[in-house]
Amino acid sequence: MNSTNDASRTFTVDRPLCTVDQQQNCRLSSVHCRLTTFNSQTVLTDETRYRILKSLEADPSASQRAIARELGISLGKVNYCLQALIDKGLVKATNFRNSPNKARYLYTLTPQGIEEKSRVTARFLKRKLAEYDEIQREIEELRKDLS
């Protein structure tokens, strides 16, 4: 078990998974330390941005809980990412005026959001095609090893 002192706090983890400066952004458990920084670079990745924008385009009235369930990510991450998209001007959130549930929102892509979705889709496709090509190469190498 490793211990690291950072200012007045001591962090103990089973394995050194986090650097000292990352400790403040880690959640500790008896089994592991997992980095969970909440900034736009680590949470709002191209893949997350693409999947959320695609989901909102398909169903602007979807709740955050429904989006989280559909994408297989936490509700907190959806909330954080939606707020980041709203702050960047890519998504607009409006209340349902006649709904008895005033906490429900309609999430619509702004013109900037539509453009960003196109850019993110192109980057996402390019990355997935590169991954596909790499997997094809690995499969070919494995087939050669079996021959």
Protein backbone atom coordinates (compact mmCIF):
# COMPACT_ATOMS: atom_id res chain seq x y z
CA MET A 1 0.00 0.00 0.00
CA ASN A 2 1.37 3.44 -0.94
CA SER A 3 0.90 6.71 0.89
CA THR A 4 1.42 10.17 -0.56
CA ASN A 5 1.39 13.45 1.36
CA ASP A 6 -0.05 16.47 -0.44
CA ALA A 7 -0.16 19.62 1.68
CA SER A 8 -2.11 18.60 4.79
CA ARG A 9 -3.80 15.53 3.31
CA THR A 10 -2.56 11.95 3.06
CA PHE A 11 -3.77 9.68 0.29
CA THR A 12 -3.42 5.93 0.53
CA VAL A 13 -4.03 3.64 -2.41
CA ASP A 14 -3.43 -0.04 -3.12
CA ARG A 15 -1.57 0.77 -6.33
CA PRO A 16 0.01 4.06 -7.48
CA LEU A 17 -2.59 4.90 -10.12
CA CYS A 18 -2.54 8.65 -9.60
CA THR A 19 0.26 11.18 -9.39
CA VAL A 20 0.49 13.51 -6.41
CA ASP A 21 -0.96 16.48 -8.29
CA GLN A 22 -3.87 14.33 -9.47
CA GLN A 23 -4.75 13.11 -5.96
CA GLN A 24 -7.18 15.96 -5.37
CA ASN A 25 -9.12 14.75 -8.41
CA CYS A 26 -9.25 11.09 -7.37
CA ARG A 27 -11.94 9.13 -5.64
CA LEU A 28 -10.45 6.68 -3.21
CA SER A 29 -11.76 3.26 -2.32
CA SER A 30 -10.22 0.27 -0.61
CA VAL A 31 -9.57 -1.32 -3.99
CA HIS A 32 -8.39 1.44 -6.33
CA CYS A 33 -7.93 5.11 -7.03
CA ARG A 34 -9.68 6.23 -10.20
CA LEU A 35 -8.98 9.58 -11.84
CA THR A 36 -12.20 11.53 -12.22
CA THR A 37 -11.17 15.02 -13.21
CA PHE A 38 -14.12 17.10 -14.28
CA ASN A 39 -12.93 19.42 -16.97
CA SER A 40 -13.87 19.71 -20.62
CA GLN A 41 -10.78 17.81 -21.81
CA THR A 42 -11.39 14.62 -19.83
CA VAL A 43 -15.17 14.42 -19.53
CA LEU A 44 -16.39 16.05 -22.72
CA THR A 45 -14.37 13.96 -25.15
CA ASP A 46 -15.20 13.89 -28.86
CA GLU A 47 -16.97 10.57 -28.38
CA THR A 48 -19.09 11.84 -25.49
CA ARG A 49 -19.83 15.09 -27.32
CA TYR A 50 -20.80 13.15 -30.47
CA ARG A 51 -23.04 10.70 -28.62
CA ILE A 52 -24.84 13.41 -26.61
CA LEU A 53 -25.36 15.70 -29.61
CA LYS A 54 -26.63 12.74 -31.66
CA SER A 55 -29.01 11.74 -28.86
CA LEU A 56 -30.33 15.30 -28.47
CA GLU A 57 -30.82 15.65 -32.21
CA ALA A 58 -32.86 12.44 -32.23
CA ASP A 59 -34.95 13.33 -29.14
CA PRO A 60 -34.68 16.92 -27.84
CA SER A 61 -37.20 16.21 -25.08
CA ALA A 62 -35.21 13.30 -23.61
CA SER A 63 -34.46 13.64 -19.91
CA GLN A 64 -30.90 13.59 -18.64
CA ARG A 65 -31.68 10.26 -16.97
CA ALA A 66 -32.86 8.79 -20.29
CA ILE A 67 -29.74 10.07 -22.07
CA ALA A 68 -27.52 8.58 -19.36
CA ARG A 69 -29.30 5.23 -19.66
CA GLU A 70 -29.10 5.26 -23.47
CA LEU A 71 -25.40 6.14 -23.55
CA GLY A 72 -24.40 3.98 -20.60
CA ILE A 73 -22.83 6.85 -18.65
CA SER A 74 -23.62 8.38 -15.27
CA LEU A 75 -26.34 10.96 -14.78
CA GLY A 76 -23.76 13.33 -13.28
CA LYS A 77 -21.58 13.06 -16.38
CA VAL A 78 -24.57 13.80 -18.63
CA ASN A 79 -25.48 16.80 -16.48
CA TYR A 80 -21.90 18.11 -16.55
CA CYS A 81 -21.53 17.56 -20.31
CA LEU A 82 -24.89 19.16 -21.12
CA GLN A 83 -23.96 22.19 -19.04
CA ALA A 84 -20.63 22.43 -20.89
CA LEU A 85 -22.43 22.20 -24.25
CA ILE A 86 -24.88 24.90 -23.14
CA ASP A 87 -22.01 27.11 -21.91
CA LYS A 88 -20.25 26.71 -25.28
CA GLY A 89 -23.45 27.75 -27.08
CA LEU A 90 -23.91 24.39 -28.81
CA VAL A 91 -27.16 23.45 -27.04
CA LYS A 92 -30.06 25.56 -25.83
CA ALA A 93 -32.20 24.38 -22.90
CA THR A 94 -35.76 25.62 -22.53
CA ASN A 95 -38.45 24.66 -20.01
CA PHE A 96 -41.69 23.04 -21.08
CA ARG A 97 -44.11 25.85 -20.28
CA ASN A 98 -47.29 23.78 -19.93
CA SER A 99 -45.69 20.75 -18.31
CA PRO A 100 -46.59 19.93 -14.71
CA ASN A 101 -42.94 18.87 -14.30
CA LYS A 102 -41.13 22.23 -14.48
CA ALA A 103 -37.76 20.48 -14.16
CA ARG A 104 -38.10 19.05 -17.69
CA TYR A 105 -36.18 20.75 -20.47
CA LEU A 106 -36.15 20.70 -24.23
CA TYR A 107 -32.57 20.52 -25.48
CA THR A 108 -32.13 21.88 -28.99
CA LEU A 109 -28.96 22.13 -31.02
CA THR A 110 -28.04 25.68 -31.96
CA PRO A 111 -26.67 26.42 -35.44
CA GLN A 112 -23.20 26.26 -33.84
CA GLY A 113 -24.18 22.91 -32.29
CA ILE A 114 -25.19 21.52 -35.67
CA GLU A 115 -21.86 22.61 -37.16
CA GLU A 116 -19.95 21.16 -34.20
CA LYS A 117 -21.86 17.88 -34.50
CA SER A 118 -20.74 17.63 -38.14
CA ARG A 119 -17.11 18.30 -37.20
CA VAL A 120 -17.21 15.87 -34.28
CA THR A 121 -18.88 13.22 -36.45
CA ALA A 122 -16.10 13.52 -39.04
CA ARG A 123 -13.38 13.22 -36.35
CA PHE A 124 -15.21 10.32 -34.68
CA LEU A 125 -15.57 8.48 -38.00
CA LYS A 126 -11.90 9.06 -38.86
CA ARG A 127 -10.81 7.67 -35.48
CA LYS A 128 -13.10 4.64 -35.72
CA LEU A 129 -11.85 3.87 -39.25
CA ALA A 130 -8.25 4.04 -37.99
CA GLU A 131 -9.18 1.68 -35.13
CA TYR A 132 -10.83 -0.66 -37.64
CA ASP A 133 -7.71 -0.66 -39.84
CA GLU A 134 -5.53 -1.42 -36.81
CA ILE A 135 -7.78 -4.30 -35.77
CA GLN A 136 -7.69 -5.66 -39.31
CA ARG A 137 -3.85 -5.60 -39.19
CA GLU A 138 -3.85 -7.38 -35.82
CA ILE A 139 -6.23 -10.04 -37.12
CA GLU A 140 -4.01 -10.60 -40.15
CA GLU A 141 -0.95 -10.98 -37.90
CA LEU A 142 -2.78 -13.45 -35.69
CA ARG A 143 -3.83 -15.47 -38.74
CA LYS A 144 -0.19 -15.56 -39.89
CA ASP A 145 0.87 -16.75 -36.42
CA LEU A 146 -1.65 -19.61 -36.61
CA SER A 147 -0.43 -20.71 -40.06
